[in-house]
Amino acid sequence: QAPLVESGGGWVQPGGSLRLSCGGSEIRFDSCTTYWYRQAPGKQRELVAAIRSSGRTDYRDSVKGRFSISRDDTMNLVNLQMDRLKAEDTATYYCHARAKVVDRWGQGIQFPVSS
């Protein structure tokens, strides 16, 4: 199966906003739990946010109130809205979808948060 595809990255200043999207072929995100992970240079990959098929969402503490994960069932996308970005949010972000017979990753998208 083809990897998921992340889009929406770009350079952003501290305090700015960015929206990442995750899409893929032959997958229905409304049947999966979809995660956004990130990995900063020299650090371990960490879970940022998750959205279940029920719509329930979870966030790591450091992004609560700043990041919002959502699902667009019409477009079959999972989005990560990131507001009030900080330099420490700089990382490669990965999308991951899981279900009973689904376990797919994206190839990652990176963006710097810097002035």
N, C-alpha and C. Protein backbone atom coordinates (compact mmCIF):
# COMPACT_ATOMS: atom_id res chain seq x y z
N GLN A 1 0.84 -1.18 0.00
CA GLN A 1 0.00 0.00 0.00
C GLN A 1 0.88 1.23 0.00
N ALA A 2 0.42 2.25 -0.68
CA ALA A 2 1.20 3.48 -0.77
C ALA A 2 1.20 4.18 0.58
N PRO A 3 2.28 4.89 0.89
CA PRO A 3 2.32 5.61 2.15
C PRO A 3 1.31 6.76 2.15
N LEU A 4 0.94 7.18 3.35
CA LEU A 4 0.10 8.36 3.47
C LEU A 4 0.91 9.58 3.02
N VAL A 5 0.21 10.64 2.72
CA VAL A 5 0.87 11.84 2.21
C VAL A 5 0.55 13.03 3.09
N GLU A 6 1.60 13.62 3.67
CA GLU A 6 1.43 14.82 4.48
C GLU A 6 1.66 16.03 3.58
N SER A 7 0.94 17.11 3.85
CA SER A 7 1.11 18.34 3.10
C SER A 7 0.86 19.53 4.01
N GLY A 8 1.31 20.69 3.56
CA GLY A 8 1.02 21.92 4.29
C GLY A 8 2.19 22.54 5.02
N GLY A 9 3.35 21.95 4.96
CA GLY A 9 4.50 22.50 5.67
C GLY A 9 5.02 23.77 5.03
N GLY A 10 5.91 24.44 5.75
CA GLY A 10 6.49 25.68 5.25
C GLY A 10 7.13 26.42 6.39
N TRP A 11 7.90 27.43 6.06
CA TRP A 11 8.56 28.21 7.10
C TRP A 11 7.54 29.06 7.83
N VAL A 12 7.67 29.15 9.15
CA VAL A 12 6.75 29.93 9.94
C VAL A 12 7.52 30.57 11.10
N GLN A 13 7.12 31.76 11.47
CA GLN A 13 7.75 32.46 12.58
C GLN A 13 7.15 32.02 13.90
N PRO A 14 7.87 32.15 15.00
CA PRO A 14 7.29 31.87 16.31
C PRO A 14 6.02 32.70 16.50
N GLY A 15 5.01 32.05 17.03
CA GLY A 15 3.72 32.71 17.21
C GLY A 15 2.79 32.55 16.03
N GLY A 16 3.30 32.04 14.95
CA GLY A 16 2.50 31.87 13.74
C GLY A 16 1.69 30.59 13.75
N SER A 17 1.01 30.36 12.64
CA SER A 17 0.13 29.19 12.50
C SER A 17 0.47 28.43 11.23
N LEU A 18 0.16 27.15 11.27
CA LEU A 18 0.36 26.29 10.11
C LEU A 18 -0.67 25.18 10.19
N ARG A 19 -1.07 24.68 9.04
CA ARG A 19 -2.04 23.59 9.00
C ARG A 19 -1.46 22.46 8.16
N LEU A 20 -1.33 21.30 8.78
CA LEU A 20 -0.88 20.11 8.07
C LEU A 20 -2.09 19.24 7.72
N SER A 21 -1.99 18.57 6.59
CA SER A 21 -3.05 17.64 6.19
C SER A 21 -2.44 16.28 5.88
N CYS A 22 -3.21 15.25 6.13
CA CYS A 22 -2.79 13.88 5.85
C CYS A 22 -3.84 13.24 4.96
N GLY A 23 -3.42 12.70 3.85
CA GLY A 23 -4.34 12.02 2.93
C GLY A 23 -3.74 10.73 2.46
N GLY A 24 -4.54 9.95 1.78
CA GLY A 24 -4.03 8.69 1.26
C GLY A 24 -5.05 8.00 0.39
N SER A 25 -4.57 7.10 -0.41
CA SER A 25 -5.45 6.33 -1.28
C SER A 25 -5.85 5.03 -0.59
N GLU A 26 -7.00 4.52 -0.94
CA GLU A 26 -7.49 3.23 -0.45
C GLU A 26 -7.50 3.19 1.07
N ILE A 27 -7.95 4.24 1.68
CA ILE A 27 -8.08 4.30 3.14
C ILE A 27 -9.25 5.20 3.48
N ARG A 28 -9.94 4.83 4.52
CA ARG A 28 -11.00 5.67 5.03
C ARG A 28 -10.60 6.07 6.44
N PHE A 29 -10.29 7.32 6.63
CA PHE A 29 -9.83 7.79 7.93
C PHE A 29 -10.93 7.71 8.99
N ASP A 30 -12.18 7.73 8.57
CA ASP A 30 -13.25 7.64 9.56
C ASP A 30 -13.38 6.23 10.14
N SER A 31 -12.61 5.29 9.61
CA SER A 31 -12.58 3.93 10.14
C SER A 31 -11.30 3.64 10.90
N CYS A 32 -10.44 4.64 11.04
CA CYS A 32 -9.13 4.46 11.65
C CYS A 32 -8.96 5.36 12.87
N THR A 33 -7.95 5.05 13.67
CA THR A 33 -7.39 6.02 14.59
C THR A 33 -6.18 6.62 13.88
N THR A 34 -6.15 7.93 13.78
CA THR A 34 -5.07 8.60 13.07
C THR A 34 -4.27 9.45 14.04
N TYR A 35 -2.97 9.34 13.91
CA TYR A 35 -2.04 10.01 14.82
C TYR A 35 -1.15 10.97 14.04
N TRP A 36 -0.77 12.03 14.70
CA TRP A 36 0.33 12.86 14.24
C TRP A 36 1.46 12.69 15.24
N TYR A 37 2.62 12.30 14.72
CA TYR A 37 3.85 12.21 15.49
C TYR A 37 4.80 13.29 15.00
N ARG A 38 5.83 13.54 15.78
CA ARG A 38 6.89 14.42 15.31
C ARG A 38 8.23 13.93 15.86
N GLN A 39 9.27 14.28 15.13
CA GLN A 39 10.62 13.91 15.56
C GLN A 39 11.53 15.08 15.25
N ALA A 40 12.07 15.65 16.31
CA ALA A 40 13.03 16.74 16.17
C ALA A 40 14.42 16.14 15.99
N PRO A 41 15.34 16.88 15.38
CA PRO A 41 16.69 16.37 15.18
C PRO A 41 17.33 15.92 16.49
N GLY A 42 17.84 14.70 16.51
CA GLY A 42 18.52 14.19 17.69
C GLY A 42 17.60 13.73 18.81
N LYS A 43 16.30 13.72 18.55
CA LYS A 43 15.34 13.32 19.60
C LYS A 43 14.49 12.15 19.12
N GLN A 44 13.82 11.53 20.07
CA GLN A 44 12.94 10.40 19.73
C GLN A 44 11.63 10.91 19.15
N ARG A 45 11.01 10.08 18.36
CA ARG A 45 9.70 10.41 17.82
C ARG A 45 8.68 10.45 18.97
N GLU A 46 7.81 11.43 18.94
CA GLU A 46 6.83 11.57 20.00
C GLU A 46 5.45 11.79 19.43
N LEU A 47 4.46 11.29 20.16
CA LEU A 47 3.07 11.44 19.73
C LEU A 47 2.59 12.85 20.05
N VAL A 48 1.99 13.49 19.07
CA VAL A 48 1.52 14.86 19.23
C VAL A 48 0.01 14.89 19.47
N ALA A 49 -0.73 14.19 18.63
CA ALA A 49 -2.20 14.23 18.71
C ALA A 49 -2.77 12.98 18.05
N ALA A 50 -4.00 12.66 18.43
CA ALA A 50 -4.67 11.50 17.86
C ALA A 50 -6.15 11.79 17.73
N ILE A 51 -6.76 11.19 16.72
CA ILE A 51 -8.21 11.28 16.57
C ILE A 51 -8.73 9.89 16.25
N ARG A 52 -9.70 9.45 17.05
CA ARG A 52 -10.25 8.11 16.86
C ARG A 52 -11.40 8.14 15.86
N SER A 53 -11.83 6.98 15.45
CA SER A 53 -12.94 6.92 14.50
C SER A 53 -14.19 7.55 15.10
N SER A 54 -14.30 7.52 16.42
CA SER A 54 -15.44 8.14 17.11
C SER A 54 -15.38 9.65 17.07
N GLY A 55 -14.19 10.19 16.77
CA GLY A 55 -14.00 11.63 16.80
C GLY A 55 -13.30 12.12 18.06
N ARG A 56 -13.13 11.23 19.01
CA ARG A 56 -12.44 11.62 20.25
C ARG A 56 -10.99 11.97 19.92
N THR A 57 -10.50 13.03 20.56
CA THR A 57 -9.15 13.51 20.31
C THR A 57 -8.31 13.50 21.59
N ASP A 58 -7.01 13.38 21.41
CA ASP A 58 -6.06 13.43 22.52
C ASP A 58 -4.84 14.21 22.06
N TYR A 59 -4.18 14.87 23.03
CA TYR A 59 -3.02 15.69 22.72
C TYR A 59 -1.94 15.50 23.78
N ARG A 60 -0.69 15.67 23.37
CA ARG A 60 0.36 15.72 24.37
C ARG A 60 0.24 17.06 25.07
N ASP A 61 0.70 17.09 26.32
CA ASP A 61 0.49 18.28 27.15
C ASP A 61 1.08 19.55 26.53
N SER A 62 2.23 19.42 25.90
CA SER A 62 2.92 20.63 25.41
C SER A 62 2.22 21.31 24.25
N VAL A 63 1.23 20.65 23.64
CA VAL A 63 0.53 21.28 22.51
C VAL A 63 -0.93 21.56 22.82
N LYS A 64 -1.38 21.15 23.99
CA LYS A 64 -2.78 21.39 24.34
C LYS A 64 -3.09 22.87 24.32
N GLY A 65 -4.21 23.22 23.71
CA GLY A 65 -4.61 24.61 23.61
C GLY A 65 -3.99 25.34 22.43
N ARG A 66 -3.00 24.71 21.78
CA ARG A 66 -2.35 25.34 20.61
C ARG A 66 -2.61 24.54 19.33
N PHE A 67 -2.67 23.23 19.44
CA PHE A 67 -2.87 22.36 18.28
C PHE A 67 -4.26 21.78 18.32
N SER A 68 -4.80 21.52 17.13
CA SER A 68 -6.12 20.91 17.02
C SER A 68 -6.13 19.91 15.87
N ILE A 69 -6.48 18.67 16.19
CA ILE A 69 -6.57 17.63 15.16
C ILE A 69 -8.03 17.47 14.77
N SER A 70 -8.27 17.32 13.50
CA SER A 70 -9.65 17.16 13.03
C SER A 70 -9.67 16.27 11.80
N ARG A 71 -10.86 15.83 11.47
CA ARG A 71 -11.00 14.94 10.33
C ARG A 71 -12.02 15.54 9.38
N ASP A 72 -11.71 15.56 8.12
CA ASP A 72 -12.64 16.02 7.08
C ASP A 72 -13.08 14.77 6.32
N ASP A 73 -14.25 14.25 6.66
CA ASP A 73 -14.70 13.00 6.04
C ASP A 73 -15.10 13.19 4.58
N THR A 74 -15.46 14.39 4.20
CA THR A 74 -15.81 14.64 2.80
C THR A 74 -14.58 14.56 1.91
N MET A 75 -13.50 15.15 2.39
CA MET A 75 -12.25 15.14 1.63
C MET A 75 -11.37 13.94 1.99
N ASN A 76 -11.77 13.20 3.03
CA ASN A 76 -10.98 12.07 3.53
C ASN A 76 -9.56 12.52 3.90
N LEU A 77 -9.50 13.51 4.77
CA LEU A 77 -8.24 14.05 5.25
C LEU A 77 -8.26 14.13 6.77
N VAL A 78 -7.09 14.09 7.36
CA VAL A 78 -6.94 14.40 8.78
C VAL A 78 -6.01 15.60 8.86
N ASN A 79 -6.46 16.63 9.53
CA ASN A 79 -5.73 17.89 9.60
C ASN A 79 -5.17 18.12 10.99
N LEU A 80 -4.06 18.84 11.03
CA LEU A 80 -3.49 19.28 12.30
C LEU A 80 -3.29 20.79 12.20
N GLN A 81 -4.15 21.52 12.88
CA GLN A 81 -4.03 22.97 12.94
C GLN A 81 -3.10 23.33 14.08
N MET A 82 -2.06 24.08 13.79
CA MET A 82 -1.06 24.42 14.79
C MET A 82 -1.00 25.94 14.91
N ASP A 83 -1.34 26.43 16.08
CA ASP A 83 -1.32 27.87 16.36
C ASP A 83 -0.29 28.18 17.43
N ARG A 84 0.08 29.44 17.51
CA ARG A 84 1.07 29.91 18.51
C ARG A 84 2.29 29.00 18.50
N LEU A 85 2.82 28.77 17.34
CA LEU A 85 3.96 27.86 17.21
C LEU A 85 5.18 28.41 17.92
N LYS A 86 5.97 27.47 18.43
CA LYS A 86 7.19 27.80 19.14
C LYS A 86 8.38 27.17 18.41
N ALA A 87 9.55 27.66 18.70
CA ALA A 87 10.75 27.11 18.07
C ALA A 87 10.88 25.62 18.37
N GLU A 88 10.46 25.22 19.56
CA GLU A 88 10.58 23.80 19.93
C GLU A 88 9.58 22.90 19.22
N ASP A 89 8.67 23.49 18.44
CA ASP A 89 7.77 22.68 17.60
C ASP A 89 8.42 22.27 16.29
N THR A 90 9.60 22.81 16.02
CA THR A 90 10.32 22.44 14.81
C THR A 90 10.64 20.96 14.82
N ALA A 91 10.21 20.25 13.80
CA ALA A 91 10.40 18.80 13.73
C ALA A 91 9.91 18.31 12.37
N THR A 92 10.14 17.04 12.13
CA THR A 92 9.47 16.38 11.02
C THR A 92 8.20 15.75 11.57
N TYR A 93 7.08 16.03 10.94
CA TYR A 93 5.79 15.55 11.40
C TYR A 93 5.32 14.40 10.51
N TYR A 94 4.84 13.35 11.18
CA TYR A 94 4.40 12.15 10.48
C TYR A 94 2.95 11.84 10.79
N CYS A 95 2.25 11.40 9.79
CA CYS A 95 0.88 10.95 9.94
C CYS A 95 0.89 9.41 10.00
N HIS A 96 0.05 8.84 10.86
CA HIS A 96 -0.01 7.39 11.01
C HIS A 96 -1.46 6.99 11.22
N ALA A 97 -1.95 6.07 10.41
CA ALA A 97 -3.32 5.60 10.53
C ALA A 97 -3.33 4.12 10.88
N ARG A 98 -4.17 3.77 11.85
CA ARG A 98 -4.25 2.37 12.29
C ARG A 98 -5.70 1.93 12.43
N ALA A 99 -5.94 0.70 12.01
CA ALA A 99 -7.23 0.04 12.22
C ALA A 99 -6.93 -1.45 12.26
N LYS A 100 -7.95 -2.28 12.22
CA LYS A 100 -7.74 -3.72 12.33
C LYS A 100 -6.76 -4.23 11.30
N VAL A 101 -6.92 -3.85 10.06
CA VAL A 101 -6.05 -4.33 9.00
C VAL A 101 -5.29 -3.17 8.34
N VAL A 102 -5.17 -2.08 9.06
CA VAL A 102 -4.51 -0.90 8.52
C VAL A 102 -3.38 -0.48 9.45
N ASP A 103 -2.22 -0.22 8.89
CA ASP A 103 -1.11 0.32 9.66
C ASP A 103 -0.21 1.06 8.68
N ARG A 104 -0.53 2.32 8.44
CA ARG A 104 0.16 3.07 7.40
C ARG A 104 0.74 4.35 7.93
N TRP A 105 1.93 4.66 7.45
CA TRP A 105 2.65 5.87 7.83
C TRP A 105 2.84 6.76 6.61
N GLY A 106 2.97 8.04 6.89
CA GLY A 106 3.41 8.96 5.87
C GLY A 106 4.92 9.06 5.91
N GLN A 107 5.47 9.75 4.92
CA GLN A 107 6.92 9.87 4.82
C GLN A 107 7.45 11.08 5.58
N GLY A 108 6.56 11.87 6.11
CA GLY A 108 6.97 12.98 6.95
C GLY A 108 7.05 14.31 6.22
N ILE A 109 6.81 15.35 6.96
CA ILE A 109 6.93 16.71 6.41
C ILE A 109 7.56 17.56 7.50
N GLN A 110 8.49 18.40 7.11
CA GLN A 110 9.18 19.19 8.12
C GLN A 110 9.02 20.68 7.85
N PHE A 111 9.11 21.44 8.88
CA PHE A 111 9.05 22.89 8.75
C PHE A 111 9.79 23.52 9.92
N PRO A 112 10.51 24.57 9.63
CA PRO A 112 11.20 25.29 10.71
C PRO A 112 10.31 26.36 11.32
N VAL A 113 10.40 26.50 12.62
CA VAL A 113 9.76 27.62 13.30
C VAL A 113 10.90 28.51 13.77
N SER A 114 11.10 29.59 13.06
CA SER A 114 12.22 30.46 13.40
C SER A 114 11.95 31.86 12.91
N SER A 115 12.67 32.79 13.51
CA SER A 115 12.53 34.18 13.08
C SER A 115 13.65 34.53 12.12
